[in-house]
Protein backbone atom coordinates (compact mmCIF):
# COMPACT_ATOMS: atom_id res chain seq x y z
CA MET A 1 -24.59 24.68 50.49
CA ASN A 2 -24.78 26.93 47.45
CA LYS A 3 -27.83 26.68 45.26
CA ARG A 4 -27.75 27.13 41.51
CA LEU A 5 -29.78 30.23 40.74
CA PRO A 6 -31.71 31.00 37.57
CA VAL A 7 -29.99 33.17 34.97
CA LEU A 8 -31.64 36.21 33.41
CA PHE A 9 -31.63 38.22 30.22
CA ILE A 10 -33.45 41.51 30.69
CA GLY A 11 -34.38 43.83 27.86
CA HIS A 12 -33.55 47.15 29.51
CA GLY A 13 -34.93 49.66 26.98
CA SER A 14 -35.01 53.35 27.86
CA PRO A 15 -33.22 54.66 30.98
CA MET A 16 -36.62 56.13 31.91
CA ASN A 17 -37.70 52.67 33.05
CA ALA A 18 -35.56 53.27 36.13
CA ILE A 19 -38.10 55.79 37.44
CA GLU A 20 -41.30 54.60 35.81
CA ASN A 21 -44.05 52.38 37.19
CA ASN A 22 -45.35 50.21 34.35
CA ASP A 23 -46.01 46.56 33.53
CA TYR A 24 -42.33 46.00 32.76
CA THR A 25 -41.01 47.50 36.00
CA LYS A 26 -43.72 45.68 37.97
CA MET A 27 -42.42 42.44 36.45
CA LEU A 28 -38.92 43.28 37.71
CA ASN A 29 -40.23 44.15 41.18
CA LYS A 30 -42.07 40.84 41.44
CA LEU A 31 -39.10 38.91 40.07
CA GLY A 32 -36.81 40.34 42.73
CA GLU A 33 -39.28 39.30 45.41
CA THR A 34 -39.55 35.72 44.17
CA LEU A 35 -35.93 34.91 43.31
CA GLU A 36 -33.83 33.34 46.02
CA LYS A 37 -31.43 35.94 47.39
CA PRO A 38 -28.07 35.71 45.58
CA LYS A 39 -24.64 36.27 47.08
CA ALA A 40 -24.02 38.88 44.40
CA VAL A 41 -25.13 39.85 40.91
CA LEU A 42 -22.77 39.72 37.93
CA ILE A 43 -24.11 41.86 35.07
CA ILE A 44 -23.07 41.73 31.43
CA SER A 45 -24.35 45.05 30.08
CA ALA A 46 -24.55 46.26 26.51
CA HIS A 47 -23.09 49.56 27.71
CA TRP A 48 -19.60 48.44 28.72
CA LEU A 49 -17.57 47.66 25.61
CA THR A 50 -13.81 47.20 26.06
CA ASP A 51 -10.65 46.15 24.29
CA GLY A 52 -10.35 42.86 26.14
CA SER A 53 -12.58 41.39 28.87
CA TYR A 54 -12.67 43.01 32.32
CA ILE A 55 -14.21 42.53 35.74
CA ASP A 56 -14.75 45.79 37.60
CA ILE A 57 -13.50 45.44 41.18
CA GLN A 58 -14.62 48.15 43.59
CA ASP A 59 -16.16 47.88 47.04
CA GLU A 60 -18.61 50.67 46.23
CA PRO A 61 -19.01 50.79 42.43
CA ARG A 62 -19.69 54.28 41.14
CA GLN A 63 -23.02 54.89 39.44
CA ILE A 64 -22.59 55.85 35.79
CA TYR A 65 -25.20 58.09 34.16
CA ASP A 66 -24.26 57.11 30.61
CA PHE A 67 -27.00 59.06 28.81
CA TYR A 68 -28.02 62.65 28.27
CA GLY A 69 -31.12 64.74 27.66
CA PHE A 70 -33.34 63.04 30.24
CA PRO A 71 -35.31 64.56 33.16
CA ASP A 72 -33.38 65.69 36.24
CA GLU A 73 -35.17 63.06 38.32
CA LEU A 74 -33.25 60.34 36.52
CA TYR A 75 -29.87 61.90 37.30
CA GLN A 76 -30.83 62.28 40.95
CA LEU A 77 -31.64 58.60 41.38
CA GLU A 78 -28.96 56.87 43.42
CA TYR A 79 -28.17 53.17 43.41
CA ARG A 80 -25.05 52.33 45.37
CA PRO A 81 -24.54 48.76 46.61
CA THR A 82 -21.63 48.21 48.99
CA GLY A 83 -19.46 45.29 50.04
CA VAL A 84 -18.91 44.34 46.41
CA LYS A 85 -15.15 43.91 46.17
CA LYS A 86 -14.80 40.43 47.65
CA TYR A 87 -17.40 38.99 45.26
CA ALA A 88 -15.90 40.72 42.23
CA GLU A 89 -12.52 39.28 43.24
CA ILE A 90 -14.03 35.78 43.41
CA ALA A 91 -15.33 36.26 39.87
CA TYR A 92 -11.97 37.55 38.68
CA GLU A 93 -10.12 34.57 40.17
CA SER A 94 -12.59 32.26 38.43
CA LEU A 95 -12.12 33.93 35.05
CA LYS A 96 -8.54 35.20 34.91
CA ASP A 97 -7.22 31.99 33.35
CA PHE A 98 -9.53 32.70 30.41
CA GLY A 99 -7.98 36.09 29.72
CA VAL A 100 -10.28 38.25 31.85
CA LYS A 101 -8.50 41.18 33.51
CA SER A 102 -9.42 43.39 36.45
CA THR A 103 -10.06 47.13 36.53
CA THR A 104 -11.38 49.85 38.84
CA GLN A 105 -12.29 52.21 36.00
CA TRP A 106 -15.98 51.39 35.56
CA GLY A 107 -18.81 50.84 38.03
CA LEU A 108 -22.50 50.26 37.28
CA ASP A 109 -23.86 51.74 34.05
CA HIS A 110 -27.56 52.23 33.41
CA GLY A 111 -27.80 48.81 31.77
CA ALA A 112 -27.14 47.49 35.27
CA TRP A 113 -28.57 49.90 37.84
CA ALA A 114 -31.79 50.74 35.96
CA ILE A 115 -32.69 47.04 36.27
CA LEU A 116 -31.27 46.45 39.74
CA LYS A 117 -33.21 49.43 41.08
CA HIS A 118 -36.39 47.40 40.54
CA LEU A 119 -35.03 43.94 41.29
CA TYR A 120 -33.36 44.94 44.54
CA PRO A 121 -34.57 48.46 45.39
CA LYS A 122 -32.71 48.58 48.72
CA ALA A 123 -29.35 48.14 46.90
CA ASP A 124 -28.57 45.47 49.49
CA ILE A 125 -27.14 42.90 47.06
CA PRO A 126 -23.51 43.35 45.89
CA ALA A 127 -23.40 43.94 42.13
CA PHE A 128 -20.60 44.30 39.60
CA GLN A 129 -20.01 44.05 35.85
CA LEU A 130 -18.17 41.94 33.30
CA SER A 131 -17.38 43.88 30.13
CA LEU A 132 -18.09 42.96 26.51
CA ASN A 133 -14.87 42.42 24.58
CA HIS A 134 -15.49 44.17 21.25
CA ASN A 135 -12.79 42.01 19.63
CA PHE A 136 -14.71 38.79 20.28
CA THR A 137 -16.74 36.90 17.73
CA PRO A 138 -20.25 35.85 18.83
CA GLU A 139 -18.91 32.33 19.43
CA GLU A 140 -16.18 33.68 21.70
CA HIS A 141 -18.76 35.59 23.74
CA TYR A 142 -20.75 32.38 24.08
CA LYS A 143 -17.66 30.42 25.15
CA LEU A 144 -16.84 32.96 27.85
CA GLY A 145 -20.43 32.62 29.02
CA LEU A 146 -19.79 28.91 29.55
CA LYS A 147 -17.03 29.85 32.00
CA LEU A 148 -19.57 31.55 34.27
CA LYS A 149 -21.11 28.23 35.30
CA GLU A 150 -18.83 27.90 38.32
CA LEU A 151 -19.95 31.28 39.65
CA ARG A 152 -23.58 30.35 39.10
CA GLU A 153 -23.07 27.21 41.16
CA GLN A 154 -21.61 29.37 43.94
CA GLY A 155 -24.78 31.41 44.33
CA PHE A 156 -24.10 34.32 41.99
CA LEU A 157 -26.99 35.66 39.91
CA ILE A 158 -25.83 36.09 36.30
CA LEU A 159 -27.75 38.79 34.43
CA GLY A 160 -27.43 39.85 30.80
CA SER A 161 -28.76 43.32 30.00
CA GLY A 162 -29.49 44.41 26.44
CA ASN A 163 -32.21 44.18 23.79
CA ILE A 164 -32.85 41.56 21.11
CA VAL A 165 -34.00 44.33 18.75
CA HIS A 166 -32.32 47.71 19.21
CA ASN A 167 -32.53 50.25 16.39
CA LEU A 168 -32.68 53.79 17.78
CA ARG A 169 -32.59 55.33 14.31
CA LYS A 170 -35.94 53.78 13.44
CA ILE A 171 -37.73 54.58 16.70
CA LYS A 172 -41.28 55.90 16.43
CA PHE A 173 -41.89 58.33 19.27
CA ASP A 174 -45.37 57.03 19.93
CA SER A 175 -46.18 54.72 22.82
CA ALA A 176 -48.80 52.98 20.67
CA ALA A 177 -46.50 52.51 17.66
CA THR A 178 -46.88 49.30 15.69
CA PRO A 179 -43.66 47.25 15.62
CA PHE A 180 -41.81 47.08 12.32
CA ASP A 181 -42.28 43.73 10.58
CA TRP A 182 -38.54 43.09 10.60
CA ALA A 183 -38.39 43.74 14.34
CA THR A 184 -41.16 41.25 15.02
CA GLU A 185 -39.58 38.71 12.68
CA PHE A 186 -36.16 38.83 14.34
CA ASP A 187 -37.53 38.93 17.88
CA ARG A 188 -39.64 35.83 17.20
CA TYR A 189 -36.76 34.04 15.51
CA ILE A 190 -34.56 34.48 18.58
CA ALA A 191 -37.42 33.48 20.90
CA LYS A 192 -38.04 30.28 18.93
CA SER A 193 -34.31 29.50 18.88
CA LEU A 194 -34.21 29.88 22.67
CA GLU A 195 -37.21 27.59 23.11
CA ALA A 196 -35.71 25.00 20.75
CA ASN A 197 -32.35 25.14 22.54
CA ASP A 198 -30.81 25.98 19.16
CA HIS A 199 -27.70 27.75 20.37
CA LYS A 200 -26.07 27.50 16.97
CA ALA A 201 -28.84 29.72 15.62
CA LEU A 202 -28.34 32.17 18.48
CA ILE A 203 -24.61 32.38 17.76
CA ASN A 204 -25.15 32.70 14.01
CA TYR A 205 -27.83 35.39 14.32
CA LYS A 206 -26.22 37.41 11.52
CA ASN A 207 -27.46 34.78 9.06
CA GLN A 208 -30.95 36.30 9.28
CA GLY A 209 -30.23 38.87 6.59
CA LEU A 210 -32.16 42.13 6.41
CA ALA A 211 -34.27 41.43 9.52
CA GLU A 212 -31.10 41.14 11.61
CA GLU A 213 -29.39 44.09 9.92
CA LEU A 214 -32.33 46.37 10.70
CA SER A 215 -32.87 44.94 14.19
CA LEU A 216 -29.22 45.29 15.19
CA PRO A 217 -27.35 48.07 13.35
CA THR A 218 -24.75 47.36 16.05
CA ASP A 219 -24.79 44.16 18.05
CA GLU A 220 -23.70 45.14 21.57
CA HIS A 221 -27.30 44.97 22.86
CA TYR A 222 -27.69 41.41 21.60
CA LEU A 223 -24.38 39.96 22.78
CA PRO A 224 -25.23 39.70 26.52
CA LEU A 225 -27.89 37.17 25.51
CA LEU A 226 -25.18 34.75 24.39
CA TYR A 227 -23.64 34.67 27.88
CA ILE A 228 -27.01 33.78 29.37
CA ALA A 229 -27.91 31.17 26.75
CA ALA A 230 -24.53 29.48 27.31
CA LEU A 231 -25.47 28.81 30.93
CA LYS A 232 -28.52 26.69 30.13
CA GLU A 233 -28.29 23.12 31.43
CA ASP A 234 -29.97 20.20 29.64
CA ASN A 235 -32.67 19.87 32.30
CA GLU A 236 -33.59 23.55 32.29
CA THR A 237 -36.23 25.51 30.43
CA VAL A 238 -36.58 29.04 29.10
CA SER A 239 -39.48 31.11 30.40
CA PHE A 240 -40.33 34.52 28.98
CA LEU A 241 -40.82 37.10 31.70
CA TYR A 242 -41.87 39.95 29.44
CA GLU A 243 -42.57 40.37 25.73
CA GLY A 244 -43.21 43.35 23.52
CA ILE A 245 -41.61 45.72 21.04
CA GLU A 246 -41.73 49.34 22.13
CA LEU A 247 -41.56 52.41 19.89
CA GLY A 248 -41.52 50.17 16.84
CA SER A 249 -37.92 49.01 17.07
CA LEU A 250 -37.00 48.17 20.66
CA SER A 251 -37.63 44.64 21.91
CA MET A 252 -38.23 44.39 25.64
CA ARG A 253 -38.29 40.59 25.60
CA SER A 254 -36.84 39.28 28.83
CA PHE A 255 -36.38 35.67 29.88
CA MET A 256 -35.21 33.40 32.65
CA ILE A 257 -33.46 30.06 32.43
CA SER A 258 -34.12 27.75 35.36
């Protein structure tokens, strides 16, 4: 029998987390050890925006180093799960009636592998991505998230990768930087909405005025959260795995629904 797994939203932050050993990466390591082993991981990453919705179907997804200016060690890190195609095809068959298409043109971007490297360091769990349709409204993203319930029931781990607050223009390059007030305000608003099961507030996040505008100059890092929130069942709770705003304007808040 398949067992319904928890669903995760992970604030992925800097690509450097892929090679660092800190409280955040230790949390991911421990989480991977405690979660029941999934058949496969479906990731909705902030870093794959497309015209339409796509499932990437490859048996050995290529690793995408979608960043520049970082230490060589990061570009030398390899994360290459295999045996992925059959699970990506199951996901595609489940979603194609809702307009999702297939492609072989992507792989795993750093919003996926930088997290998976800590969750499943042996790369022994098949993993693939569902893109973010940049034509969708927030409500449409949420509604597509609802369609992932069948896959969850089949033993897939659904993982959203982004950041609730993501303003790179305002970053303070100081590890001890105090968070901006607007960053704290928006991060707490979303956290409280999650705890209150107020999905209308999550969908209508743009109603938060200046705090939202400064927290999300663009919204691709927030949108994966809507897919995860949509999967919450009435008898489930939200638990925060990690909290904190780094560099003043980057929320690392991560949560699990189970």
